[in-house]
Amino acid sequence: MPVNATPFLWGRPGHSRIIRTMRPGRQLFSLLAWLFLTACTPALDWREVRPPGGGFVVLLPQKPAQSERRLVTPAGPVLMRMYSVRVGEHVLAAGFADFPAALEAPLQDALRDALLANINGQVINEREITAAGMRGREFSAKGTLGRGADAQTGLLQARLLVRGQRYFQLVSLGAPGSLQQADIEFFLSSLKLD
C-alpha cells in the first residue's frame, strides 16, 4: 500500500476488508461529491411528469394532483391546467395555458400580479430569464399564507415562461425554510420542452 494512502473499508464491524485504496485527495473529492449529491432532501422521490397536451416535462417529488381553473385575463378568459404536490407545508406547482395571441410584457405583468395578489405579496427580486429556449421572468416575493390567526409569512418563488401563445408557470410556495432551497431550485429549473 502506498505510504500516503489510507484504506477504504467495507463490510460489517469485525468483518471489514480492504477493497481498494483511496488517496487523501480522492477522499476529499468523494466526500464533496457525496455532500453535493445529498444536498436535496433525501426523502423526495423526484419523477418526470408529462402533462397530457402540455408539450413539456417537469420534475416533481411525487405524483401530482391535477386541477383546471378559468383565468380572467386582459387577453380574455383562458383555461389554466395545474399539476401540484404538497411536501409537508410547501407546495410545488407547474401549469400551462394557451392564450388567443402571443403574450406581451403587459400581460406577463398581469399574470405575475395575479400570483402576488393570492398572497398579498411584494416582489423581493425579479429578473428576465431564458430557460428551455423560452423567454420569461423569475421572481421571489414575500406575502401571507393563510388568513386570520393562522396567517404566517410565506415565500413565493416562480418562473413564468412564454413560447408563442403558450404560457408556462412554475411556482414554489411555503413558509421560509419549509423546503430546502436546493430542492426549490431543482424544481424551478427542471422544465424542458417535449
Protein backbone atom coordinates (compact mmCIF):
# COMPACT_ATOMS: atom_id res chain seq x y z
CA MET A 1 0.00 0.00 0.00
CA PRO A 2 1.40 3.47 -0.85
CA VAL A 3 2.64 5.43 2.16
CA ASN A 4 0.23 8.39 1.70
CA ALA A 5 -2.90 6.28 1.13
CA THR A 6 -5.48 5.10 3.61
CA PRO A 7 -7.60 2.00 3.23
CA PHE A 8 -11.26 2.25 2.22
CA LEU A 9 -13.11 -0.26 4.40
CA TRP A 10 -16.29 -2.08 3.50
CA GLY A 11 -18.38 -4.55 5.42
CA ARG A 12 -19.82 -5.17 8.85
CA PRO A 13 -17.88 -4.29 12.01
CA GLY A 14 -15.48 -7.10 12.76
CA HIS A 15 -15.78 -8.37 9.18
CA SER A 16 -14.32 -5.37 7.32
CA ARG A 17 -11.95 -5.92 4.48
CA ILE A 18 -9.91 -3.61 2.33
CA ILE A 19 -11.48 -3.38 -1.12
CA ARG A 20 -9.42 -0.54 -2.52
CA THR A 21 -7.10 2.24 -1.53
CA MET A 22 -8.01 5.92 -1.73
CA ARG A 23 -5.52 8.76 -1.72
CA PRO A 24 -6.33 11.70 0.59
CA GLY A 25 -7.18 13.94 -2.43
CA ARG A 26 -9.67 11.38 -3.70
CA GLN A 27 -11.15 11.04 -0.22
CA LEU A 28 -11.84 14.78 -0.17
CA PHE A 29 -13.30 14.67 -3.70
CA SER A 30 -15.53 11.71 -2.74
CA LEU A 31 -16.73 13.49 0.38
CA LEU A 32 -17.54 16.68 -1.57
CA ALA A 33 -19.35 14.69 -4.28
CA TRP A 34 -21.39 12.88 -1.65
CA LEU A 35 -22.31 16.18 0.04
CA PHE A 36 -23.40 17.67 -3.32
CA LEU A 37 -25.50 14.64 -4.24
CA THR A 38 -27.25 14.66 -0.87
CA ALA A 39 -27.94 18.42 -0.91
CA CYS A 40 -31.54 17.75 -1.99
CA THR A 41 -33.88 16.33 0.60
CA PRO A 42 -33.30 12.54 0.55
CA ALA A 43 -36.97 11.78 1.29
CA LEU A 44 -38.09 13.32 -2.01
CA ASP A 45 -38.67 10.90 -4.88
CA TRP A 46 -38.22 13.09 -7.98
CA ARG A 47 -40.00 11.85 -11.11
CA GLU A 48 -40.77 13.14 -14.60
CA VAL A 49 -44.28 14.46 -15.12
CA ARG A 50 -45.58 14.92 -18.69
CA PRO A 51 -48.96 16.67 -18.59
CA PRO A 52 -51.23 15.47 -21.43
CA GLY A 53 -51.21 18.08 -24.19
CA GLY A 54 -48.69 20.19 -22.30
CA GLY A 55 -45.72 19.64 -24.59
CA PHE A 56 -43.30 19.72 -21.66
CA VAL A 57 -41.79 17.61 -18.91
CA VAL A 58 -41.11 18.77 -15.35
CA LEU A 59 -39.68 17.03 -12.28
CA LEU A 60 -41.86 16.76 -9.17
CA PRO A 61 -41.11 14.86 -5.94
CA GLN A 62 -44.31 12.76 -6.03
CA LYS A 63 -47.34 12.09 -8.20
CA PRO A 64 -49.11 15.44 -8.68
CA ALA A 65 -52.73 16.37 -8.16
CA GLN A 66 -54.32 17.82 -11.30
CA SER A 67 -56.65 20.78 -11.48
CA GLU A 68 -58.05 23.21 -14.01
CA ARG A 69 -59.07 26.79 -13.45
CA ARG A 70 -60.51 29.51 -15.69
CA LEU A 71 -58.47 32.68 -15.51
CA VAL A 72 -59.88 36.05 -16.47
CA THR A 73 -57.02 37.94 -18.11
CA PRO A 74 -56.67 41.17 -20.10
CA ALA A 75 -56.46 38.92 -23.21
CA GLY A 76 -59.73 37.17 -22.32
CA PRO A 77 -60.56 34.00 -20.37
CA VAL A 78 -58.10 31.10 -20.55
CA LEU A 79 -58.01 27.62 -19.05
CA MET A 80 -55.03 27.03 -16.76
CA ARG A 81 -54.05 23.39 -16.15
CA MET A 82 -52.06 22.86 -12.95
CA TYR A 83 -50.10 19.90 -11.57
CA SER A 84 -49.15 20.32 -7.93
CA VAL A 85 -47.68 18.47 -4.97
CA ARG A 86 -47.52 19.23 -1.28
CA VAL A 87 -44.27 18.49 0.55
CA GLY A 88 -45.11 19.00 4.20
CA GLU A 89 -46.47 22.54 4.29
CA HIS A 90 -44.80 23.52 1.00
CA VAL A 91 -46.43 23.48 -2.46
CA LEU A 92 -44.71 22.98 -5.81
CA ALA A 93 -46.86 23.52 -8.90
CA ALA A 94 -46.38 23.51 -12.66
CA GLY A 95 -49.02 24.66 -15.10
CA PHE A 96 -49.74 25.86 -18.59
CA ALA A 97 -52.35 27.81 -20.52
CA ASP A 98 -52.92 28.72 -24.16
CA PHE A 99 -53.73 32.34 -24.94
CA PRO A 100 -55.51 33.67 -28.05
CA ALA A 101 -52.41 35.71 -29.02
CA ALA A 102 -48.71 35.89 -28.14
CA LEU A 103 -48.07 37.06 -24.58
CA GLU A 104 -46.52 40.51 -24.43
CA ALA A 105 -44.90 42.14 -21.38
CA PRO A 106 -48.07 43.84 -20.01
CA LEU A 107 -49.92 40.51 -19.96
CA GLN A 108 -46.98 38.82 -18.25
CA ASP A 109 -47.04 41.60 -15.65
CA ALA A 110 -50.75 40.91 -15.06
CA LEU A 111 -50.08 37.18 -14.57
CA ARG A 112 -47.29 37.92 -12.09
CA ASP A 113 -49.52 40.39 -10.25
CA ALA A 114 -52.32 37.79 -10.01
CA LEU A 115 -49.91 35.39 -8.29
CA LEU A 116 -48.82 38.16 -5.92
CA ALA A 117 -52.43 39.02 -5.08
CA ASN A 118 -53.02 35.43 -3.89
CA ILE A 119 -50.61 36.01 -1.01
CA ASN A 120 -50.87 39.81 -0.71
CA GLY A 121 -47.22 39.72 -1.75
CA GLN A 122 -44.45 42.17 -2.50
CA VAL A 123 -41.70 41.35 -5.01
CA ILE A 124 -38.28 40.86 -3.39
CA ASN A 125 -36.38 40.41 -6.66
CA GLU A 126 -37.18 39.85 -10.30
CA ARG A 127 -35.19 39.25 -13.46
CA GLU A 128 -35.69 38.39 -17.10
CA ILE A 129 -34.55 34.86 -17.98
CA THR A 130 -34.25 32.41 -20.84
CA ALA A 131 -34.93 28.80 -19.86
CA ALA A 132 -35.61 25.73 -22.01
CA GLY A 133 -35.31 28.00 -25.06
CA MET A 134 -38.14 30.27 -23.84
CA ARG A 135 -38.15 33.84 -22.64
CA GLY A 136 -39.68 34.76 -19.34
CA ARG A 137 -39.10 36.03 -15.85
CA GLU A 138 -38.19 34.69 -12.47
CA PHE A 139 -39.19 36.39 -9.25
CA SER A 140 -39.41 35.95 -5.50
CA ALA A 141 -41.99 37.58 -3.25
CA LYS A 142 -42.90 37.68 0.43
CA GLY A 143 -46.51 37.57 1.44
CA THR A 144 -49.04 35.97 3.75
CA LEU A 145 -50.10 32.32 3.83
CA GLY A 146 -53.49 31.65 5.34
CA ARG A 147 -55.88 34.08 6.97
CA GLY A 148 -56.67 35.35 10.42
CA ALA A 149 -54.92 33.85 13.44
CA ASP A 150 -53.38 31.08 11.30
CA ALA A 151 -51.68 33.53 8.90
CA GLN A 152 -47.92 33.24 8.55
CA THR A 153 -45.20 34.71 6.37
CA GLY A 154 -44.85 32.96 3.04
CA LEU A 155 -42.23 32.93 0.32
CA LEU A 156 -43.25 32.63 -3.32
CA GLN A 157 -40.65 31.76 -5.94
CA ALA A 158 -41.80 31.48 -9.54
CA ARG A 159 -40.75 31.17 -13.16
CA LEU A 160 -43.14 32.42 -15.82
CA LEU A 161 -42.16 31.34 -19.33
CA VAL A 162 -43.65 32.04 -22.75
CA ARG A 163 -43.45 30.29 -26.08
CA GLY A 164 -45.72 31.91 -28.65
CA GLN A 165 -49.25 31.69 -27.28
CA ARG A 166 -48.40 29.12 -24.60
CA TYR A 167 -47.72 30.24 -21.05
CA PHE A 168 -45.84 28.04 -18.52
CA GLN A 169 -45.85 28.67 -14.80
CA LEU A 170 -43.63 27.04 -12.15
CA VAL A 171 -44.39 28.01 -8.55
CA SER A 172 -42.89 27.21 -5.16
CA LEU A 173 -44.87 28.46 -2.16
CA GLY A 174 -44.37 27.91 1.54
CA ALA A 175 -43.04 29.29 4.79
CA PRO A 176 -39.36 30.29 4.60
CA GLY A 177 -37.25 27.19 5.29
CA SER A 178 -40.14 24.73 4.80
CA LEU A 179 -38.27 23.18 1.85
CA GLN A 180 -34.56 23.26 1.11
CA GLN A 181 -33.57 25.92 -1.42
CA ALA A 182 -31.65 23.28 -3.41
CA ASP A 183 -34.93 21.38 -3.92
CA ILE A 184 -36.77 24.55 -4.96
CA GLU A 185 -34.06 25.44 -7.49
CA PHE A 186 -34.02 21.87 -8.79
CA PHE A 187 -37.78 22.02 -9.42
CA LEU A 188 -37.80 25.52 -10.93
CA SER A 189 -35.04 24.64 -13.39
CA SER A 190 -36.48 21.23 -14.36
CA LEU A 191 -38.93 22.26 -17.10
CA LYS A 192 -37.98 21.01 -20.59
CA LEU A 193 -39.99 21.09 -23.78
CA ASP A 194 -41.03 17.74 -25.28
